[in-house]
Protein backbone atom coordinates (compact mmCIF):
# COMPACT_ATOMS: atom_id res chain seq x y z
CA MET A 1 16.55 50.79 -52.47
CA MET A 2 19.56 49.82 -50.45
CA ALA A 3 17.27 51.83 -47.59
CA SER A 4 14.18 50.41 -48.57
CA SER A 5 16.03 47.15 -47.81
CA MET A 6 17.38 48.11 -44.70
CA ALA A 7 14.12 49.05 -43.11
CA PHE A 8 12.67 45.63 -43.89
CA VAL A 9 14.82 43.54 -42.46
CA ALA A 10 14.99 46.18 -39.20
CA GLY A 11 10.56 45.75 -38.85
CA ALA A 12 10.90 41.82 -39.00
CA PRO A 13 10.14 39.99 -35.75
CA ALA A 14 12.69 38.20 -35.25
CA LYS A 15 13.35 34.27 -35.55
CA PRO A 16 12.31 32.33 -32.28
CA PRO A 17 15.25 29.99 -30.93
CA SER A 18 14.80 26.35 -30.82
CA SER A 19 16.56 23.47 -30.46
CA SER A 20 17.24 22.96 -34.17
CA GLY A 21 18.34 26.30 -34.54
CA THR A 22 20.84 28.78 -34.18
CA VAL A 23 21.44 31.33 -30.83
CA GLY A 24 23.83 34.22 -30.92
CA GLY A 25 25.37 32.63 -34.52
CA ARG A 26 26.09 29.08 -33.15
CA PRO A 27 23.58 26.25 -33.36
CA ALA A 28 21.51 25.69 -30.58
CA MET A 29 22.25 22.91 -28.12
CA ASN A 30 20.22 20.06 -28.26
CA PRO A 31 19.25 18.53 -25.01
CA TYR A 32 18.61 15.10 -25.75
CA ARG A 33 21.93 15.16 -27.39
CA MET A 34 23.54 16.51 -24.95
CA LEU A 35 22.37 13.63 -22.93
CA GLY A 36 22.93 11.22 -25.03
CA VAL A 37 18.85 9.79 -25.28
CA GLY A 38 16.25 9.69 -27.34
CA GLU A 39 13.16 11.83 -27.58
CA ASP A 40 11.27 9.13 -26.54
CA ALA A 41 13.30 8.43 -22.94
CA THR A 42 11.61 8.00 -19.73
CA TYR A 43 11.78 10.28 -16.48
CA GLU A 44 13.83 7.96 -15.20
CA GLU A 45 16.47 7.41 -18.23
CA VAL A 46 17.00 10.99 -18.11
CA GLU A 47 17.95 11.24 -14.53
CA ALA A 48 20.28 8.21 -14.83
CA ALA A 49 21.80 10.31 -17.68
CA VAL A 50 22.33 13.33 -15.80
CA ALA A 51 23.77 11.34 -12.50
CA ARG A 52 26.06 9.37 -15.46
CA LEU A 53 27.20 12.41 -17.16
CA SER A 54 27.29 14.47 -13.72
CA ILE A 55 29.99 11.97 -12.56
CA LYS A 56 31.77 11.83 -15.81
CA TYR A 57 32.40 15.79 -15.69
CA GLY A 58 33.45 15.64 -12.55
CA GLN A 59 33.89 19.92 -11.67
CA ASP A 60 33.06 21.04 -14.40
CA GLN A 61 30.52 23.89 -13.97
CA LYS A 62 30.13 25.30 -17.17
CA LYS A 63 28.75 21.46 -18.31
CA LEU A 64 26.82 20.84 -15.14
CA MET A 65 25.12 23.63 -16.12
CA GLN A 66 24.38 22.26 -19.73
CA LEU A 67 22.99 19.29 -18.32
CA ALA A 68 20.43 21.39 -15.99
CA VAL A 69 19.51 23.17 -19.00
CA SER A 70 19.35 20.10 -21.00
CA LYS A 71 17.27 18.43 -18.18
CA ASP A 72 15.04 21.46 -17.34
CA LYS A 73 14.71 21.29 -21.14
CA ILE A 74 13.52 18.02 -21.92
CA PHE A 75 11.26 17.92 -19.29
CA GLU A 76 9.12 21.33 -20.13
CA ASP A 77 9.11 20.28 -23.61
CA ARG A 78 7.76 16.94 -22.31
CA LEU A 79 5.86 18.19 -20.28
CA ALA A 80 3.72 20.45 -23.31
CA GLN A 81 3.52 17.45 -25.21
CA ARG A 82 1.84 15.38 -22.82
CA MET A 83 -0.72 18.40 -22.00
CA SER A 84 -1.64 18.71 -25.95
CA GLY A 85 -2.04 14.68 -26.18
CA SER A 86 1.18 14.95 -28.94
CA PHE A 87 3.58 12.26 -26.73
CA LYS A 88 3.07 8.70 -27.11
CA GLY A 89 5.69 7.92 -25.32
CA LYS A 90 6.96 5.32 -22.77
CA VAL A 91 6.84 7.67 -20.11
CA LYS A 92 6.62 6.59 -16.31
CA VAL A 93 5.66 9.74 -13.65
CA SER A 94 6.39 13.18 -14.34
CA PRO A 95 8.89 15.17 -11.54
CA TYR A 96 6.25 18.39 -12.72
CA GLU A 97 3.39 16.13 -11.61
CA ARG A 98 2.37 15.51 -7.96
CA ALA A 99 0.83 12.34 -7.89
CA VAL A 100 -2.84 11.92 -6.01
CA VAL A 101 -2.12 9.36 -2.72
CA LYS A 102 -5.41 7.76 -1.71
CA LYS A 103 -6.23 8.16 2.16
CA PRO A 104 -6.88 5.29 3.41
CA LEU A 105 -10.30 5.07 4.28
CA PHE A 106 -9.83 4.72 8.17
CA THR A 107 -6.64 5.34 10.41
CA ILE A 108 -5.80 3.70 13.92
CA PRO A 109 -5.49 5.98 16.44
CA GLU A 110 -1.68 6.91 18.04
CA TRP A 111 -3.07 5.48 21.57
CA ALA A 112 -4.06 2.37 20.30
CA ARG A 113 -1.41 1.33 17.32
CA ASN A 114 0.06 -0.96 19.86
CA SER A 115 -3.23 -2.94 20.45
CA VAL A 116 -5.39 -2.29 17.23
CA ALA A 117 -3.83 -3.62 13.89
CA LEU A 118 -6.23 -3.80 10.49
CA PRO A 119 -5.85 -7.26 8.85
CA THR A 120 -4.18 -8.22 5.63
CA LYS A 121 -6.50 -9.52 2.88
CA LYS A 122 -4.55 -13.22 3.40
CA TYR A 123 -5.46 -12.86 7.86
CA LEU A 124 -8.94 -11.81 7.11
CA LYS A 125 -8.87 -15.18 4.43
CA ARG A 126 -7.80 -17.66 7.17
CA THR A 127 -10.07 -16.38 10.00
CA SER A 128 -12.75 -15.74 8.06
CA LEU A 129 -12.63 -19.25 6.76
CA LEU A 130 -11.84 -20.80 9.59
CA MET A 131 -14.59 -19.29 11.63
CA GLY A 132 -17.48 -19.52 9.14
CA ILE A 133 -16.67 -23.43 9.16
CA PHE A 134 -17.39 -22.70 13.54
CA VAL A 135 -20.84 -20.90 12.01
CA GLY A 136 -21.68 -23.50 9.72
CA LEU A 137 -21.44 -26.57 11.50
CA GLY A 138 -23.61 -24.92 14.43
CA PHE A 139 -25.95 -24.32 12.07
CA LEU A 140 -25.80 -28.03 10.82
CA THR A 141 -25.81 -29.71 13.96
CA PRO A 142 -26.72 -27.67 16.46
CA THR A 143 -25.86 -29.88 19.44
CA LEU A 144 -22.28 -29.72 18.97
CA ALA A 145 -22.71 -25.75 19.20
CA SER A 146 -21.01 -26.05 22.02
CA SER A 147 -18.55 -27.81 20.84
CA CYS A 148 -17.52 -25.41 18.15
CA MET A 149 -17.87 -22.34 20.49
CA ALA A 150 -14.73 -24.32 22.14
CA MET A 151 -12.71 -24.84 19.34
CA ALA A 152 -13.16 -21.02 18.22
CA PHE A 153 -12.01 -20.05 21.11
CA ILE A 154 -8.77 -22.17 20.89
CA SER A 155 -8.37 -21.12 16.73
CA ALA A 156 -8.96 -17.47 18.33
CA ALA A 157 -6.45 -17.86 20.68
CA GLY A 158 -3.74 -19.49 18.44
CA PHE A 159 -4.65 -16.47 15.79
CA LEU A 160 -4.64 -13.67 17.97
CA PHE A 161 -1.31 -14.88 19.48
CA ASN A 162 0.66 -15.60 16.77
CA ARG A 163 -0.26 -12.63 14.99
CA GLY A 164 2.55 -10.11 13.38
CA LEU A 165 5.05 -13.31 14.34
CA PRO A 166 7.04 -14.42 12.03
CA GLU A 167 6.05 -17.41 10.38
CA VAL A 168 7.71 -20.50 11.57
CA VAL A 169 10.56 -21.85 10.26
CA ARG A 170 10.17 -25.69 8.80
CA ASP A 171 12.17 -28.54 7.86
CA ASP A 172 11.93 -30.84 4.70
CA PHE A 173 9.64 -33.35 7.11
CA GLY A 174 7.18 -30.28 8.00
CA ASN A 175 8.29 -29.97 11.46
CA ALA A 176 9.18 -26.81 13.20
CA GLY A 177 12.45 -26.06 13.49
CA GLU A 178 12.55 -23.35 16.16
CA VAL A 179 11.26 -23.57 19.56
CA ARG A 180 9.33 -19.81 20.35
CA PRO A 181 9.27 -19.13 23.85
CA VAL A 182 5.77 -19.20 25.79
CA GLN A 183 5.44 -15.48 26.72
CA ASN A 184 2.68 -15.39 30.11
CA LYS A 185 2.19 -11.47 29.82
CA VAL A 186 1.18 -12.09 25.96
CA VAL A 187 -0.79 -15.56 26.97
CA LEU A 188 -2.93 -13.48 29.65
CA LYS A 189 -3.51 -10.86 27.44
CA THR A 190 -4.82 -12.98 24.85
CA ILE A 191 -7.19 -14.78 26.52
CA LEU A 192 -8.71 -12.13 28.34
CA ILE A 193 -9.15 -10.36 25.12
CA ASN A 194 -10.83 -13.19 23.96
CA LEU A 195 -13.12 -14.08 27.11
CA ALA A 196 -14.21 -10.14 27.01
CA MET A 197 -15.16 -10.19 22.63
CA GLY A 198 -17.21 -13.37 23.47
CA GLY A 199 -18.75 -12.62 26.65
CA VAL A 200 -19.76 -9.25 24.97
CA PHE A 201 -21.56 -11.24 22.18
CA PHE A 202 -23.17 -13.92 24.36
CA GLY A 203 -24.84 -10.81 26.41
CA LEU A 204 -25.88 -9.88 22.72
CA GLY A 205 -26.45 -12.91 22.01
CA GLN A 206 -28.70 -13.23 24.85
CA LEU A 207 -30.35 -10.02 24.35
CA TYR A 208 -32.22 -10.35 21.38
CA LEU A 209 -33.40 -13.79 22.65
CA LEU A 210 -35.17 -12.02 25.35
CA HIS A 211 -36.49 -9.50 23.41
CA LEU A 212 -36.96 -10.87 19.73
CA PRO A 213 -38.47 -14.35 18.03
CA LEU A 214 -35.87 -16.30 16.03
CA PRO A 215 -36.91 -17.67 12.53
CA SER A 216 -38.23 -20.62 12.63
CA TRP A 217 -35.45 -22.02 10.59
CA CYS A 218 -33.09 -21.13 13.55
CA LEU A 219 -32.38 -22.89 16.99
CA PRO A 220 -31.23 -20.71 20.07
CA ASP A 221 -27.77 -23.21 20.25
CA SER A 222 -27.20 -21.78 16.86
CA PHE A 223 -27.67 -18.82 17.12
CA MET A 224 -25.73 -18.27 20.01
CA ASN A 225 -23.21 -19.79 18.46
CA ALA A 226 -22.90 -17.76 15.78
CA MET A 227 -22.63 -14.81 18.06
CA VAL A 228 -20.08 -15.89 20.33
CA VAL A 229 -18.03 -17.04 16.95
CA LEU A 230 -18.33 -13.68 15.74
CA GLY A 231 -17.13 -12.11 19.01
CA LEU A 232 -14.39 -14.66 18.98
CA TRP A 233 -13.04 -14.15 14.94
CA LEU A 234 -12.99 -10.28 16.34
CA SER A 235 -10.76 -10.79 18.65
CA CYS A 236 -8.33 -12.07 16.67
CA LEU A 237 -9.63 -10.04 13.69
CA LEU A 238 -8.85 -6.22 14.97
CA PHE A 239 -6.38 -6.82 17.79
CA GLN A 240 -3.02 -7.92 18.52
CA VAL A 241 -0.97 -8.52 21.84
CA GLN A 242 2.17 -9.59 20.40
CA ASP A 243 4.98 -6.25 20.52
CA VAL A 244 5.99 -6.49 16.82
CA ASP A 245 8.81 -3.86 17.38
CA LEU A 246 10.78 -6.14 19.55
CA VAL A 247 10.01 -9.50 17.34
């Protein structure tokens, strides 16, 4: 009978160790208790606990090794729980999961980054609103089309010249608190870009008028105003003349 009992014990499968069981006759280390965090702790909280305890234990290599093992154990358990859908804690980002980085729809080539810049949403709204007003005025009052083009040129030059510069500091009465020196090179570059873009779209408008008819509701002056303003809008929307690295 004694032999059969020994045979039964020898043939029984070994029970795998767990955090609540024993290892080598001693209670297994609870990783959460070792780090002093709850079972719903975020990855950031676990990392912070490890960093805090590492400073506390200093050069105790045995303790530092236990901290590292506990952290890995928590992360492995947490990942398994998330994969199975059983974890409902306040998880933010897992260190074992690689974040998917979305590529931008358009990237500026290296050689053009000193002169071309993509607009921000705020800048896009500001320029679009003002240039849209000039286009609308040209259609409402065709006799003011030339005046609208002149005002659009001045506005586009102001947008382009100040693009990339910090906001002007103003006092309580709205007066500018600083006077920026005028850089002749930047001013010349601004004028040339606006003239080039406005001229290109003026030429495109002329070609359209020569070969294609306009709708009955659209007068030639209004159409040309819209084309020139469009070119000026693109000039201040896509280009930059200030060296923002030196601002």
